[in-house]
Amino acid sequence: MKIITMSFILALFTTVLPVGGKAESGGTAKKPVLPEAAVSEGALTRVPAQEPSPQQVIEKSSLIVTRDYIIGPEDVLDITVWRNQDLSKVVQVRPDGRISLPLIGDVTAVGKTPTQLTADISAKLKDYKEAPTVAIVVREVNSYAIFVLGEVGRPGKYPLKSKTTLLQGLTIAGGFTGTAARNKLVVFRFNDTSNGSVKMKASYDDIVLRDGSQQNIELKPGDTIVVPSETMVLLP
């Protein structure tokens, strides 16, 4: 009978089952390297995040209103005068474009940015308070809307949530009806320096089929789009 020594047994286990995995011919076992997309934790598989394409970035940025917000009628403003609770108020812009504040009375708000209105209120308050600090927050936006009338699918008032062109405004209103005079479009825009409003004409065919892209104007708050009927168009 041969006596098996402890050193022989230890050598045998070291050869057959090395620490860290199964024995392989020619060296120590190695863990398989999986691609990042295939690494899983239980039932959840990690997939590397995809960067947005340049086209997606352009489409998203085109919807952002980059200019400073212009205050309009019916907007609600939160006006705070530092360390003066009596002069701080939440006010709604009246249809005449003004707001009313203690001490200084009426202040024109329509057509101004919050920064411009802040400067106007601060200047008026200097007669009553040394170095007033005024902050304005637009709490509710109610004035950014257009009106679409005439031969469209859904005439009415529509809020502007982003930059909107004439064609986009017509699409929002349901497009043309069967009797629409689509080449006789009219946009009315309020203007203080031109007897209340200006009248702009546009042709759908010119915009789409010809070089009339300049007629596809960017709509402004308060614009009224009128799509007349073919029966209403008078022959020259």
C-alpha atoms as a PDB file:
ATOM      1  CA  MET A   1       0.000   0.000   0.000  1.00  0.00           C
ATOM      2  CA  LYS A   2       1.282   3.437  -1.011  1.00  0.00           C
ATOM      3  CA  ILE A   3       1.056   6.307   1.429  1.00  0.00           C
ATOM      4  CA  ILE A   4      -0.401   9.476  -0.106  1.00  0.00           C
ATOM      5  CA  THR A   5       1.173  12.474   1.487  1.00  0.00           C
ATOM      6  CA  MET A   6      -0.619  15.734   2.214  1.00  0.00           C
ATOM      7  CA  SER A   7       1.674  17.644  -0.152  1.00  0.00           C
ATOM      8  CA  PHE A   8       0.619  15.371  -3.044  1.00  0.00           C
ATOM      9  CA  ILE A   9      -3.106  16.011  -2.345  1.00  0.00           C
ATOM     10  CA  LEU A  10      -2.540  19.768  -2.164  1.00  0.00           C
ATOM     11  CA  ALA A  11      -0.659  19.714  -5.478  1.00  0.00           C
ATOM     12  CA  LEU A  12      -3.453  17.704  -7.095  1.00  0.00           C
ATOM     13  CA  PHE A  13      -6.185  20.237  -6.095  1.00  0.00           C
ATOM     14  CA  THR A  14      -4.040  23.146  -7.170  1.00  0.00           C
ATOM     15  CA  THR A  15      -3.703  21.666 -10.664  1.00  0.00           C
ATOM     16  CA  VAL A  16      -7.331  20.601 -11.188  1.00  0.00           C
ATOM     17  CA  LEU A  17      -9.212  23.468  -9.487  1.00  0.00           C
ATOM     18  CA  PRO A  18      -7.165  26.660  -9.381  1.00  0.00           C
ATOM     19  CA  VAL A  19      -8.470  29.597  -7.418  1.00  0.00           C
ATOM     20  CA  GLY A  20     -10.860  31.786  -9.445  1.00  0.00           C
ATOM     21  CA  GLY A  21     -12.320  29.239 -11.937  1.00  0.00           C
ATOM     22  CA  LYS A  22     -12.014  25.894 -13.745  1.00  0.00           C
ATOM     23  CA  ALA A  23      -8.759  24.564 -14.986  1.00  0.00           C
ATOM     24  CA  GLU A  24      -7.888  25.137 -18.623  1.00  0.00           C
ATOM     25  CA  SER A  25      -5.076  23.831 -20.638  1.00  0.00           C
ATOM     26  CA  GLY A  26      -2.196  26.230 -20.818  1.00  0.00           C
ATOM     27  CA  GLY A  27      -2.990  28.548 -17.888  1.00  0.00           C
ATOM     28  CA  THR A  28      -5.465  29.985 -15.430  1.00  0.00           C
ATOM     29  CA  ALA A  29      -9.179  30.350 -16.382  1.00  0.00           C
ATOM     30  CA  LYS A  30     -10.306  33.790 -17.579  1.00  0.00           C
ATOM     31  CA  LYS A  31     -13.723  35.407 -17.291  1.00  0.00           C
ATOM     32  CA  PRO A  32     -15.438  36.127 -20.630  1.00  0.00           C
ATOM     33  CA  VAL A  33     -15.559  39.827 -21.508  1.00  0.00           C
ATOM     34  CA  LEU A  34     -19.056  40.889 -22.599  1.00  0.00           C
ATOM     35  CA  PRO A  35     -19.841  44.040 -24.595  1.00  0.00           C
ATOM     36  CA  GLU A  36     -21.334  46.867 -22.557  1.00  0.00           C
ATOM     37  CA  ALA A  37     -24.692  46.571 -24.299  1.00  0.00           C
ATOM     38  CA  ALA A  38     -25.008  42.913 -23.227  1.00  0.00           C
ATOM     39  CA  VAL A  39     -24.124  43.335 -19.542  1.00  0.00           C
ATOM     40  CA  SER A  40     -27.203  42.404 -17.555  1.00  0.00           C
ATOM     41  CA  GLU A  41     -28.220  42.669 -13.946  1.00  0.00           C
ATOM     42  CA  GLY A  42     -30.872  40.055 -13.399  1.00  0.00           C
ATOM     43  CA  ALA A  43     -33.566  40.667 -16.015  1.00  0.00           C
ATOM     44  CA  LEU A  44     -32.440  44.250 -16.697  1.00  0.00           C
ATOM     45  CA  THR A  45     -30.115  44.784 -19.653  1.00  0.00           C
ATOM     46  CA  ARG A  46     -28.011  47.922 -19.818  1.00  0.00           C
ATOM     47  CA  VAL A  47     -28.054  49.649 -23.172  1.00  0.00           C
ATOM     48  CA  PRO A  48     -25.743  52.633 -23.684  1.00  0.00           C
ATOM     49  CA  ALA A  49     -27.627  55.935 -24.017  1.00  0.00           C
ATOM     50  CA  GLN A  50     -27.902  57.248 -27.554  1.00  0.00           C
ATOM     51  CA  GLU A  51     -27.024  60.837 -28.317  1.00  0.00           C
ATOM     52  CA  PRO A  52     -29.731  62.820 -30.162  1.00  0.00           C
ATOM     53  CA  SER A  53     -29.130  63.254 -33.840  1.00  0.00           C
ATOM     54  CA  PRO A  54     -28.296  66.738 -35.217  1.00  0.00           C
ATOM     55  CA  GLN A  55     -31.723  66.833 -36.897  1.00  0.00           C
ATOM     56  CA  GLN A  56     -33.482  66.169 -33.568  1.00  0.00           C
ATOM     57  CA  VAL A  57     -31.488  68.963 -31.916  1.00  0.00           C
ATOM     58  CA  ILE A  58     -32.454  71.401 -34.701  1.00  0.00           C
ATOM     59  CA  GLU A  59     -36.150  70.456 -34.510  1.00  0.00           C
ATOM     60  CA  LYS A  60     -36.212  70.905 -30.734  1.00  0.00           C
ATOM     61  CA  SER A  61     -34.372  74.234 -30.755  1.00  0.00           C
ATOM     62  CA  SER A  62     -36.771  75.611 -33.387  1.00  0.00           C
ATOM     63  CA  LEU A  63     -39.610  75.329 -30.864  1.00  0.00           C
ATOM     64  CA  ILE A  64     -37.884  77.401 -28.207  1.00  0.00           C
ATOM     65  CA  VAL A  65     -38.924  81.020 -27.807  1.00  0.00           C
ATOM     66  CA  THR A  66     -35.564  82.731 -27.454  1.00  0.00           C
ATOM     67  CA  ARG A  67     -36.615  86.367 -27.083  1.00  0.00           C
ATOM     68  CA  ASP A  68     -37.582  87.940 -23.770  1.00  0.00           C
ATOM     69  CA  TYR A  69     -41.216  87.425 -22.876  1.00  0.00           C
ATOM     70  CA  ILE A  70     -43.481  90.359 -23.730  1.00  0.00           C
ATOM     71  CA  ILE A  71     -46.243  91.001 -21.218  1.00  0.00           C
ATOM     72  CA  GLY A  72     -49.760  91.051 -22.628  1.00  0.00           C
ATOM     73  CA  PRO A  73     -53.364  91.601 -21.484  1.00  0.00           C
ATOM     74  CA  GLU A  74     -54.746  89.165 -18.894  1.00  0.00           C
ATOM     75  CA  ASP A  75     -51.276  87.997 -17.830  1.00  0.00           C
ATOM     76  CA  VAL A  76     -50.950  87.593 -14.057  1.00  0.00           C
ATOM     77  CA  LEU A  77     -47.869  89.189 -12.464  1.00  0.00           C
ATOM     78  CA  ASP A  78     -46.425  88.629  -9.011  1.00  0.00           C
ATOM     79  CA  ILE A  79     -44.788  91.930  -8.032  1.00  0.00           C
ATOM     80  CA  THR A  80     -42.610  91.955  -4.921  1.00  0.00           C
ATOM     81  CA  VAL A  81     -41.065  95.036  -3.313  1.00  0.00           C
ATOM     82  CA  TRP A  82     -38.345  93.961  -0.906  1.00  0.00           C
ATOM     83  CA  ARG A  83     -39.145  94.648   2.741  1.00  0.00           C
ATOM     84  CA  ASN A  84     -42.478  96.234   1.888  1.00  0.00           C
ATOM     85  CA  GLN A  85     -45.412  93.861   2.041  1.00  0.00           C
ATOM     86  CA  ASP A  86     -47.962  96.632   1.453  1.00  0.00           C
ATOM     87  CA  LEU A  87     -46.518  97.422  -1.977  1.00  0.00           C
ATOM     88  CA  SER A  88     -46.171  93.765  -3.027  1.00  0.00           C
ATOM     89  CA  LYS A  89     -49.155  92.478  -4.990  1.00  0.00           C
ATOM     90  CA  VAL A  90     -50.369  89.836  -7.426  1.00  0.00           C
ATOM     91  CA  VAL A  91     -52.066  91.720 -10.257  1.00  0.00           C
ATOM     92  CA  GLN A  92     -53.659  90.907 -13.583  1.00  0.00           C
ATOM     93  CA  VAL A  93     -52.958  93.087 -16.592  1.00  0.00           C
ATOM     94  CA  ARG A  94     -56.158  94.860 -17.581  1.00  0.00           C
ATOM     95  CA  PRO A  95     -57.519  94.913 -21.148  1.00  0.00           C
ATOM     96  CA  ASP A  96     -56.184  98.479 -21.471  1.00  0.00           C
ATOM     97  CA  GLY A  97     -52.679  97.134 -20.885  1.00  0.00           C
ATOM     98  CA  ARG A  98     -52.138  98.621 -17.441  1.00  0.00           C
ATOM     99  CA  ILE A  99     -51.791  97.467 -13.844  1.00  0.00           C
ATOM    100  CA  SER A 100     -52.567  99.342 -10.636  1.00  0.00           C
ATOM    101  CA  LEU A 101     -50.191  99.489  -7.670  1.00  0.00           C
ATOM    102  CA  PRO A 102     -50.319 101.300  -4.321  1.00  0.00           C
ATOM    103  CA  LEU A 103     -48.778 104.801  -4.209  1.00  0.00           C
ATOM    104  CA  ILE A 104     -47.799 104.962  -7.889  1.00  0.00           C
ATOM    105  CA  GLY A 105     -51.195 104.167  -9.421  1.00  0.00           C
ATOM    106  CA  ASP A 106     -51.485 102.898 -13.008  1.00  0.00           C
ATOM    107  CA  VAL A 107     -48.446 101.596 -14.876  1.00  0.00           C
ATOM    108  CA  THR A 108     -48.402 100.439 -18.500  1.00  0.00           C
ATOM    109  CA  ALA A 109     -47.346  96.780 -18.663  1.00  0.00           C
ATOM    110  CA  VAL A 110     -48.343  95.554 -22.126  1.00  0.00           C
ATOM    111  CA  GLY A 111     -45.526  95.471 -24.654  1.00  0.00           C
ATOM    112  CA  LYS A 112     -42.770  95.394 -22.031  1.00  0.00           C
ATOM    113  CA  THR A 113     -40.549  92.642 -20.726  1.00  0.00           C
ATOM    114  CA  PRO A 114     -40.573  91.919 -16.974  1.00  0.00           C
ATOM    115  CA  THR A 115     -37.156  93.589 -16.765  1.00  0.00           C
ATOM    116  CA  GLN A 116     -38.435  96.771 -18.419  1.00  0.00           C
ATOM    117  CA  LEU A 117     -41.527  96.868 -16.204  1.00  0.00           C
ATOM    118  CA  THR A 118     -39.352  96.340 -13.130  1.00  0.00           C
ATOM    119  CA  ALA A 119     -37.274  99.386 -14.080  1.00  0.00           C
ATOM    120  CA  ASP A 120     -40.427 101.516 -14.613  1.00  0.00           C
ATOM    121  CA  ILE A 121     -41.913 100.568 -11.247  1.00  0.00           C
ATOM    122  CA  SER A 122     -38.590 101.120  -9.456  1.00  0.00           C
ATOM    123  CA  ALA A 123     -38.266 104.591 -10.983  1.00  0.00           C
ATOM    124  CA  LYS A 124     -41.777 105.567  -9.830  1.00  0.00           C
ATOM    125  CA  LEU A 125     -41.224 104.191  -6.319  1.00  0.00           C
ATOM    126  CA  LYS A 126     -38.075 106.309  -5.817  1.00  0.00           C
ATOM    127  CA  ASP A 127     -40.361 109.252  -5.024  1.00  0.00           C
ATOM    128  CA  TYR A 128     -41.589 107.342  -1.948  1.00  0.00           C
ATOM    129  CA  LYS A 129     -38.833 104.857  -1.088  1.00  0.00           C
ATOM    130  CA  GLU A 130     -35.068 105.165  -1.319  1.00  0.00           C
ATOM    131  CA  ALA A 131     -33.421 102.551  -3.581  1.00  0.00           C
ATOM    132  CA  PRO A 132     -36.445 100.240  -3.941  1.00  0.00           C
ATOM    133  CA  THR A 133     -35.773  96.632  -4.946  1.00  0.00           C
ATOM    134  CA  VAL A 134     -38.521  95.256  -7.188  1.00  0.00           C
ATOM    135  CA  ALA A 135     -38.918  91.728  -8.568  1.00  0.00           C
ATOM    136  CA  ILE A 136     -41.550  90.576 -11.068  1.00  0.00           C
ATOM    137  CA  VAL A 137     -42.560  86.986 -11.814  1.00  0.00           C
ATOM    138  CA  VAL A 138     -45.014  86.131 -14.595  1.00  0.00           C
ATOM    139  CA  ARG A 139     -47.301  83.760 -12.729  1.00  0.00           C
ATOM    140  CA  GLU A 140     -49.822  83.069 -15.528  1.00  0.00           C
ATOM    141  CA  VAL A 141     -49.432  83.522 -19.284  1.00  0.00           C
ATOM    142  CA  ASN A 142     -52.854  84.258 -20.777  1.00  0.00           C
ATOM    143  CA  SER A 143     -52.074  86.669 -23.608  1.00  0.00           C
ATOM    144  CA  TYR A 144     -50.067  84.487 -26.015  1.00  0.00           C
ATOM    145  CA  ALA A 145     -52.845  83.417 -28.359  1.00  0.00           C
ATOM    146  CA  ILE A 146     -53.950  83.763 -31.975  1.00  0.00           C
ATOM    147  CA  PHE A 147     -57.393  83.817 -33.558  1.00  0.00           C
ATOM    148  CA  VAL A 148     -58.319  81.891 -36.701  1.00  0.00           C
ATOM    149  CA  LEU A 149     -61.570  82.758 -38.489  1.00  0.00           C
ATOM    150  CA  GLY A 150     -63.354  81.757 -41.665  1.00  0.00           C
ATOM    151  CA  GLU A 151     -63.044  78.623 -43.764  1.00  0.00           C
ATOM    152  CA  VAL A 152     -60.985  76.373 -41.485  1.00  0.00           C
ATOM    153  CA  GLY A 153     -61.865  73.135 -39.770  1.00  0.00           C
ATOM    154  CA  ARG A 154     -61.956  74.542 -36.229  1.00  0.00           C
ATOM    155  CA  PRO A 155     -62.191  78.340 -36.007  1.00  0.00           C
ATOM    156  CA  GLY A 156     -61.336  79.810 -32.626  1.00  0.00           C
ATOM    157  CA  LYS A 157     -58.706  81.074 -30.219  1.00  0.00           C
ATOM    158  CA  TYR A 158     -55.500  79.078 -29.884  1.00  0.00           C
ATOM    159  CA  PRO A 159     -52.686  79.594 -27.332  1.00  0.00           C
ATOM    160  CA  LEU A 160     -49.124  79.973 -28.581  1.00  0.00           C
ATOM    161  CA  LYS A 161     -46.806  77.556 -26.795  1.00  0.00           C
ATOM    162  CA  SER A 162     -43.817  78.067 -29.087  1.00  0.00           C
ATOM    163  CA  LYS A 163     -42.793  79.792 -32.298  1.00  0.00           C
ATOM    164  CA  THR A 164     -45.635  79.350 -34.782  1.00  0.00           C
ATOM    165  CA  THR A 165     -45.774  80.245 -38.463  1.00  0.00           C
ATOM    166  CA  LEU A 166     -48.819  81.078 -40.559  1.00  0.00           C
ATOM    167  CA  LEU A 167     -49.008  77.570 -42.047  1.00  0.00           C
ATOM    168  CA  GLN A 168     -48.625  76.021 -38.605  1.00  0.00           C
ATOM    169  CA  GLY A 169     -51.439  78.208 -37.272  1.00  0.00           C
ATOM    170  CA  LEU A 170     -53.738  77.054 -40.075  1.00  0.00           C
ATOM    171  CA  THR A 171     -52.841  73.440 -39.324  1.00  0.00           C
ATOM    172  CA  ILE A 172     -53.679  73.903 -35.641  1.00  0.00           C
ATOM    173  CA  ALA A 173     -57.105  75.212 -36.689  1.00  0.00           C
ATOM    174  CA  GLY A 174     -57.834  72.093 -38.738  1.00  0.00           C
ATOM    175  CA  GLY A 175     -56.724  73.215 -42.180  1.00  0.00           C
ATOM    176  CA  PHE A 176     -58.870  74.567 -45.012  1.00  0.00           C
ATOM    177  CA  THR A 177     -62.458  73.654 -45.771  1.00  0.00           C
ATOM    178  CA  GLY A 178     -63.583  72.786 -49.277  1.00  0.00           C
ATOM    179  CA  THR A 179     -64.713  76.342 -50.028  1.00  0.00           C
ATOM    180  CA  ALA A 180     -61.659  78.152 -48.640  1.00  0.00           C
ATOM    181  CA  ALA A 181     -59.983  80.796 -50.794  1.00  0.00           C
ATOM    182  CA  ARG A 182     -56.532  79.618 -49.734  1.00  0.00           C
ATOM    183  CA  ASN A 183     -54.709  82.150 -51.891  1.00  0.00           C
ATOM    184  CA  LYS A 184     -56.492  85.110 -50.265  1.00  0.00           C
ATOM    185  CA  LEU A 185     -55.290  84.706 -46.682  1.00  0.00           C
ATOM    186  CA  VAL A 186     -55.279  87.803 -44.479  1.00  0.00           C
ATOM    187  CA  VAL A 187     -53.498  88.356 -41.147  1.00  0.00           C
ATOM    188  CA  PHE A 188     -54.476  91.318 -38.944  1.00  0.00           C
ATOM    189  CA  ARG A 189     -51.848  92.436 -36.440  1.00  0.00           C
ATOM    190  CA  PHE A 190     -52.229  95.060 -33.745  1.00  0.00           C
ATOM    191  CA  ASN A 191     -49.871  97.997 -34.160  1.00  0.00           C
ATOM    192  CA  ASP A 192     -49.824 101.203 -32.120  1.00  0.00           C
ATOM    193  CA  THR A 193     -48.311 103.222 -34.960  1.00  0.00           C
ATOM    194  CA  SER A 194     -50.668 102.192 -37.738  1.00  0.00           C
ATOM    195  CA  ASN A 195     -54.237 103.080 -36.782  1.00  0.00           C
ATOM    196  CA  GLY A 196     -54.627 100.093 -34.503  1.00  0.00           C
ATOM    197  CA  SER A 197     -53.702  97.237 -36.848  1.00  0.00           C
ATOM    198  CA  VAL A 198     -51.871  96.281 -40.005  1.00  0.00           C
ATOM    199  CA  LYS A 199     -53.198  93.994 -42.723  1.00  0.00           C
ATOM    200  CA  MET A 200     -50.925  91.388 -44.307  1.00  0.00           C
ATOM    201  CA  LYS A 201     -51.909  89.223 -47.271  1.00  0.00           C
ATOM    202  CA  ALA A 202     -50.599  85.757 -48.101  1.00  0.00           C
ATOM    203  CA  SER A 203     -51.130  83.022 -50.669  1.00  0.00           C
ATOM    204  CA  TYR A 204     -50.931  79.344 -49.773  1.00  0.00           C
ATOM    205  CA  ASP A 205     -49.829  78.376 -53.284  1.00  0.00           C
ATOM    206  CA  ASP A 206     -47.103  81.024 -53.272  1.00  0.00           C
ATOM    207  CA  ILE A 207     -45.739  79.718 -49.968  1.00  0.00           C
ATOM    208  CA  VAL A 208     -45.834  76.035 -50.888  1.00  0.00           C
ATOM    209  CA  LEU A 209     -45.361  75.925 -54.662  1.00  0.00           C
ATOM    210  CA  ARG A 210     -43.515  79.146 -55.453  1.00  0.00           C
ATOM    211  CA  ASP A 211     -40.805  81.277 -53.906  1.00  0.00           C
ATOM    212  CA  GLY A 212     -43.122  82.926 -51.410  1.00  0.00           C
ATOM    213  CA  SER A 213     -41.706  81.631 -48.148  1.00  0.00           C
ATOM    214  CA  GLN A 214     -41.475  85.202 -46.826  1.00  0.00           C
ATOM    215  CA  GLN A 215     -45.286  85.166 -46.698  1.00  0.00           C
ATOM    216  CA  ASN A 216     -45.161  82.336 -44.154  1.00  0.00           C
ATOM    217  CA  ILE A 217     -44.724  84.855 -41.357  1.00  0.00           C
ATOM    218  CA  GLU A 218     -44.077  84.085 -37.701  1.00  0.00           C
ATOM    219  CA  LEU A 219     -47.279  84.757 -35.804  1.00  0.00           C
ATOM    220  CA  LYS A 220     -47.402  87.201 -32.904  1.00  0.00           C
ATOM    221  CA  PRO A 221     -49.697  87.183 -29.869  1.00  0.00           C
ATOM    222  CA  GLY A 222     -53.046  88.689 -30.810  1.00  0.00           C
ATOM    223  CA  ASP A 223     -52.747  87.991 -34.559  1.00  0.00           C
ATOM    224  CA  THR A 224     -56.030  87.216 -36.326  1.00  0.00           C
ATOM    225  CA  ILE A 225     -55.933  84.937 -39.369  1.00  0.00           C
ATOM    226  CA  VAL A 226     -58.896  85.198 -41.741  1.00  0.00           C
ATOM    227  CA  VAL A 227     -59.525  82.558 -44.410  1.00  0.00           C
ATOM    228  CA  PRO A 228     -62.320  83.878 -46.668  1.00  0.00           C
ATOM    229  CA  SER A 229     -64.683  81.756 -48.691  1.00  0.00           C
ATOM    230  CA  GLU A 230     -64.355  81.596 -52.483  1.00  0.00           C
ATOM    231  CA  THR A 231     -67.847  83.060 -52.720  1.00  0.00           C
ATOM    232  CA  MET A 232     -66.702  86.134 -50.730  1.00  0.00           C
ATOM    233  CA  VAL A 233     -63.773  86.980 -53.011  1.00  0.00           C
ATOM    234  CA  LEU A 234     -64.676  89.784 -55.388  1.00  0.00           C
ATOM    235  CA  LEU A 235     -63.359  89.697 -58.914  1.00  0.00           C
ATOM    236  CA  PRO A 236     -61.154  92.686 -59.824  1.00  0.00           C
END
